[in-house]
Amino acid sequence: MRADDYMALFFGAHEILTPQLVAGAMVLSFLLSLVLAVVYQMTFRGFTYSRSYIHSMVLGSLVTCMLIMAVGSNVARGMGILGTLAIIRFRTPVRDPRDAMFLFACLGVGIACGAGMSYVAVIGAGLISVAAVALHWLPFASRREFDGLLRFVAPAGDHEAEEHIREVLVRYCSTFFLLGMRDAGQGASVEYSYQVRLLDPAYQGDLVDAVKKTESLSDVTLLMQRTTIEL
């Protein structure tokens, strides 16, 4: 590519598209959307991971870039493409709003590259990636009070076991709350449910082992909660 082509690619000064400009814009759109896709994959916390969704992010950026270059400043072309897209019905549900934002970011990259505003695409994709990684690691907007649910069965009226459980919870948990008690074994035993927040996430196994040391306790389970729950 000549120097004039590079200037046109990064500053949007081109009026007549050349094969070099088209290829450069498409490649840049692909690379930037690929960066966003990698960031999305690294910061994904849901359950329903979709490989095709990541492919759609990258391909959507390329398609958008191509459409913007095809339309240019021609109003008739824009109306024609708008009518064509209106015929197509997109019924794929996007459950997580965060997934939709990444998809919009890739489409925005494609629009910027197709319009010749490559600096906008590069800086925008970079800042969005940094923001996504920062929000992934920072506890911003997190309101979890409990990390997990501890359940066990104890003999009815066993006060010694109750004292032992309280000592264990104080040792390994910063916060714990008795969620409920349920009759088990036709009144001979009681099932306890505690919501707990561990002092350290690494204490999961230690907490379970400490509870199991009391021979009178049985069916000890610790269910850790996830930050994202999909139904």
Protein backbone atom coordinates (compact mmCIF):
# COMPACT_ATOMS: atom_id res chain seq x y z
CA MET A 1 0.00 0.00 0.00
CA ARG A 2 1.15 3.53 -0.79
CA ALA A 3 1.47 6.31 1.77
CA ASP A 4 -1.75 7.88 0.49
CA ASP A 5 -3.57 4.59 1.04
CA TYR A 6 -2.37 4.40 4.64
CA MET A 7 -3.47 7.97 5.26
CA ALA A 8 -6.88 7.22 3.78
CA LEU A 9 -7.22 4.02 5.80
CA PHE A 10 -6.48 5.64 9.15
CA PHE A 11 -8.05 9.06 8.67
CA GLY A 12 -11.06 8.21 6.50
CA ALA A 13 -10.05 10.52 3.71
CA HIS A 14 -10.73 8.14 0.82
CA GLU A 15 -13.56 8.69 -1.63
CA ILE A 16 -12.74 6.00 -4.19
CA LEU A 17 -12.07 2.59 -2.72
CA THR A 18 -9.12 0.59 -3.97
CA PRO A 19 -8.53 -3.12 -3.44
CA GLN A 20 -5.73 -2.26 -1.02
CA LEU A 21 -8.02 -0.06 1.09
CA VAL A 22 -10.76 -2.68 1.16
CA ALA A 23 -8.36 -5.47 2.14
CA GLY A 24 -6.67 -3.28 4.76
CA ALA A 25 -9.97 -2.30 6.37
CA MET A 26 -11.21 -5.90 6.41
CA VAL A 27 -7.98 -7.25 7.90
CA LEU A 28 -7.91 -4.53 10.56
CA SER A 29 -11.55 -5.23 11.42
CA PHE A 30 -10.74 -8.93 11.73
CA LEU A 31 -7.75 -8.37 14.01
CA LEU A 32 -9.53 -5.92 16.33
CA SER A 33 -12.64 -8.07 16.62
CA LEU A 34 -10.38 -11.05 17.31
CA VAL A 35 -8.83 -9.15 20.22
CA LEU A 36 -12.30 -8.43 21.61
CA ALA A 37 -13.25 -12.08 21.18
CA VAL A 38 -10.17 -13.21 23.11
CA VAL A 39 -10.95 -10.76 25.91
CA TYR A 40 -14.53 -12.03 26.02
CA GLN A 41 -13.28 -15.62 26.21
CA MET A 42 -10.82 -14.77 29.02
CA THR A 43 -13.41 -12.92 31.12
CA PHE A 44 -16.35 -15.27 30.51
CA ARG A 45 -18.05 -16.42 33.74
CA GLY A 46 -21.32 -17.94 32.57
CA PHE A 47 -22.28 -21.55 32.03
CA THR A 48 -23.44 -21.73 28.40
CA TYR A 49 -20.19 -21.05 26.57
CA SER A 50 -20.75 -20.91 22.81
CA ARG A 51 -17.92 -21.21 20.29
CA SER A 52 -20.26 -20.18 17.49
CA TYR A 53 -21.09 -16.95 19.36
CA ILE A 54 -17.40 -15.95 19.36
CA HIS A 55 -17.20 -16.76 15.66
CA SER A 56 -20.29 -14.62 15.12
CA MET A 57 -18.60 -11.68 16.83
CA VAL A 58 -15.64 -11.79 14.44
CA LEU A 59 -17.69 -12.49 11.33
CA GLY A 60 -20.23 -9.83 12.26
CA SER A 61 -17.46 -7.25 12.41
CA LEU A 62 -16.27 -8.23 8.93
CA VAL A 63 -19.78 -8.18 7.46
CA THR A 64 -20.46 -4.75 8.99
CA CYS A 65 -17.19 -3.40 7.64
CA MET A 66 -18.04 -4.66 4.17
CA LEU A 67 -21.55 -3.15 4.27
CA ILE A 68 -20.29 0.25 5.39
CA MET A 69 -17.77 0.33 2.55
CA ALA A 70 -20.40 -0.83 0.08
CA VAL A 71 -22.83 1.90 1.13
CA GLY A 72 -20.34 4.75 1.36
CA SER A 73 -22.18 8.04 1.04
CA ASN A 74 -24.81 6.67 -1.35
CA VAL A 75 -28.27 7.02 0.22
CA ALA A 76 -29.89 4.67 -2.30
CA ARG A 77 -27.46 1.89 -1.43
CA GLY A 78 -28.07 2.41 2.25
CA MET A 79 -31.84 2.14 1.80
CA GLY A 80 -31.41 -0.98 -0.28
CA ILE A 81 -29.22 -2.68 2.32
CA LEU A 82 -31.59 -1.59 5.09
CA GLY A 83 -34.51 -3.17 3.24
CA THR A 84 -32.55 -6.36 2.70
CA LEU A 85 -31.64 -6.64 6.37
CA ALA A 86 -35.27 -6.01 7.34
CA ILE A 87 -36.24 -9.21 5.52
CA ILE A 88 -33.82 -11.27 7.61
CA ARG A 89 -35.16 -12.20 11.04
CA PHE A 90 -32.64 -12.75 13.79
CA ARG A 91 -34.18 -14.97 16.46
CA THR A 92 -31.06 -15.99 18.37
CA PRO A 93 -31.56 -14.99 22.04
CA VAL A 94 -28.74 -13.27 23.92
CA ARG A 95 -29.30 -13.97 27.62
CA ASP A 96 -26.48 -11.95 29.13
CA PRO A 97 -26.43 -8.17 28.41
CA ARG A 98 -22.63 -8.37 28.64
CA ASP A 99 -22.58 -10.70 25.64
CA ALA A 100 -24.67 -8.19 23.70
CA MET A 101 -22.19 -5.41 24.56
CA PHE A 102 -19.28 -7.43 23.18
CA LEU A 103 -21.26 -8.10 20.02
CA PHE A 104 -22.04 -4.40 19.65
CA ALA A 105 -18.37 -3.60 20.23
CA CYS A 106 -17.35 -5.87 17.34
CA LEU A 107 -20.01 -4.32 15.12
CA GLY A 108 -18.76 -0.87 16.11
CA VAL A 109 -15.22 -1.89 15.13
CA GLY A 110 -16.52 -3.02 11.76
CA ILE A 111 -18.39 0.26 11.23
CA ALA A 112 -15.33 2.34 12.14
CA CYS A 113 -13.04 0.32 9.87
CA GLY A 114 -15.52 0.42 6.99
CA ALA A 115 -15.91 4.19 7.34
CA GLY A 116 -12.14 4.64 7.24
CA MET A 117 -11.91 5.74 10.89
CA SER A 118 -9.30 3.18 11.86
CA TYR A 119 -7.89 5.24 14.73
CA VAL A 120 -11.35 5.22 16.28
CA ALA A 121 -11.52 1.43 15.86
CA VAL A 122 -8.05 0.78 17.32
CA ILE A 123 -8.37 3.10 20.31
CA GLY A 124 -11.97 2.06 20.97
CA ALA A 125 -11.20 -1.67 20.86
CA GLY A 126 -8.18 -1.19 23.11
CA LEU A 127 -10.03 0.81 25.76
CA ILE A 128 -13.02 -1.55 25.71
CA SER A 129 -10.68 -4.51 26.22
CA VAL A 130 -8.92 -2.82 29.14
CA ALA A 131 -12.27 -1.92 30.72
CA ALA A 132 -13.58 -5.48 30.33
CA VAL A 133 -10.47 -7.01 31.94
CA ALA A 134 -10.55 -4.46 34.78
CA LEU A 135 -14.22 -5.10 35.53
CA HIS A 136 -13.54 -8.85 35.45
CA TRP A 137 -10.90 -8.70 38.20
CA LEU A 138 -12.19 -5.82 40.31
CA PRO A 139 -15.00 -6.45 42.83
CA PHE A 140 -17.03 -3.64 41.25
CA ALA A 141 -20.82 -4.13 41.54
CA SER A 142 -20.40 -7.35 43.52
CA ARG A 143 -22.87 -7.70 46.41
CA ARG A 144 -22.34 -11.29 47.49
CA GLU A 145 -22.77 -11.79 51.22
CA PHE A 146 -22.29 -15.56 51.24
CA ASP A 147 -20.01 -17.85 49.25
CA GLY A 148 -21.67 -21.21 49.79
CA LEU A 149 -24.19 -23.44 51.49
CA LEU A 150 -23.03 -25.91 54.16
CA ARG A 151 -25.31 -28.85 54.96
CA PHE A 152 -24.95 -31.69 57.45
CA VAL A 153 -27.07 -34.02 59.57
CA ALA A 154 -26.65 -34.12 63.35
CA PRO A 155 -28.42 -36.13 66.07
CA ALA A 156 -31.33 -34.26 67.64
CA GLY A 157 -30.40 -32.54 70.90
CA ASP A 158 -26.63 -33.08 70.50
CA HIS A 159 -25.39 -29.82 72.05
CA GLU A 160 -21.76 -30.91 71.94
CA ALA A 161 -21.94 -31.24 68.15
CA GLU A 162 -23.57 -27.81 67.90
CA GLU A 163 -20.72 -26.23 69.87
CA HIS A 164 -18.16 -27.97 67.68
CA ILE A 165 -19.85 -26.70 64.52
CA ARG A 166 -19.88 -23.14 65.86
CA GLU A 167 -16.15 -23.32 66.66
CA VAL A 168 -15.38 -24.61 63.16
CA LEU A 169 -17.46 -21.88 61.50
CA VAL A 170 -15.80 -19.15 63.55
CA ARG A 171 -12.37 -20.56 62.59
CA TYR A 172 -12.90 -20.75 58.81
CA CYS A 173 -15.71 -18.29 58.03
CA SER A 174 -15.94 -14.53 58.21
CA THR A 175 -19.76 -14.70 58.19
CA PHE A 176 -22.21 -17.56 58.71
CA PHE A 177 -25.96 -17.72 59.08
CA LEU A 178 -28.26 -20.59 60.04
CA LEU A 179 -30.56 -20.80 57.06
CA GLY A 180 -32.82 -23.61 58.24
CA MET A 181 -33.29 -26.82 60.19
CA ARG A 182 -35.20 -29.81 58.81
CA ASP A 183 -36.31 -32.98 60.53
CA ALA A 184 -34.51 -36.08 59.28
CA GLY A 185 -34.67 -39.73 60.30
CA GLN A 186 -38.18 -39.48 61.79
CA GLY A 187 -37.11 -37.09 64.54
CA ALA A 188 -33.89 -38.87 65.46
CA SER A 189 -31.69 -36.35 63.60
CA VAL A 190 -31.83 -32.82 62.21
CA GLU A 191 -30.47 -31.49 58.92
CA TYR A 192 -28.79 -28.08 59.28
CA SER A 193 -28.25 -25.59 56.46
CA TYR A 194 -25.77 -22.74 56.93
CA GLN A 195 -24.91 -19.95 54.53
CA VAL A 196 -21.21 -19.28 54.92
CA ARG A 197 -18.59 -16.86 53.66
CA LEU A 198 -15.08 -18.23 53.88
CA LEU A 199 -12.12 -16.23 55.15
CA ASP A 200 -10.15 -17.66 52.23
CA PRO A 201 -11.55 -19.55 49.18
CA ALA A 202 -8.86 -22.18 49.80
CA TYR A 203 -10.58 -23.18 53.05
CA GLN A 204 -13.29 -25.20 51.30
CA GLY A 205 -11.68 -28.59 51.92
CA ASP A 206 -10.49 -27.61 55.40
CA LEU A 207 -14.01 -26.60 56.43
CA VAL A 208 -15.53 -29.88 55.26
CA ASP A 209 -12.77 -31.95 56.90
CA ALA A 210 -13.17 -30.09 60.19
CA VAL A 211 -16.92 -30.71 60.23
CA LYS A 212 -16.42 -34.40 59.41
CA LYS A 213 -14.13 -34.87 62.42
CA THR A 214 -17.22 -35.10 64.62
CA GLU A 215 -18.36 -38.71 64.29
CA SER A 216 -21.97 -37.88 65.11
CA LEU A 217 -22.30 -35.68 61.99
CA SER A 218 -23.07 -37.18 58.60
CA ASP A 219 -23.89 -36.19 55.00
CA VAL A 220 -21.60 -33.15 55.09
CA THR A 221 -21.80 -31.15 51.84
CA LEU A 222 -20.57 -27.69 50.83
CA LEU A 223 -22.17 -26.13 47.75
CA MET A 224 -20.25 -23.13 46.44
CA GLN A 225 -22.25 -20.42 44.73
CA ARG A 226 -21.39 -18.88 41.38
CA THR A 227 -21.49 -15.19 40.53
CA THR A 228 -23.59 -15.92 37.45
CA ILE A 229 -26.64 -18.17 37.55
CA GLU A 230 -28.53 -19.03 34.37
CA LEU A 231 -31.90 -20.76 34.43
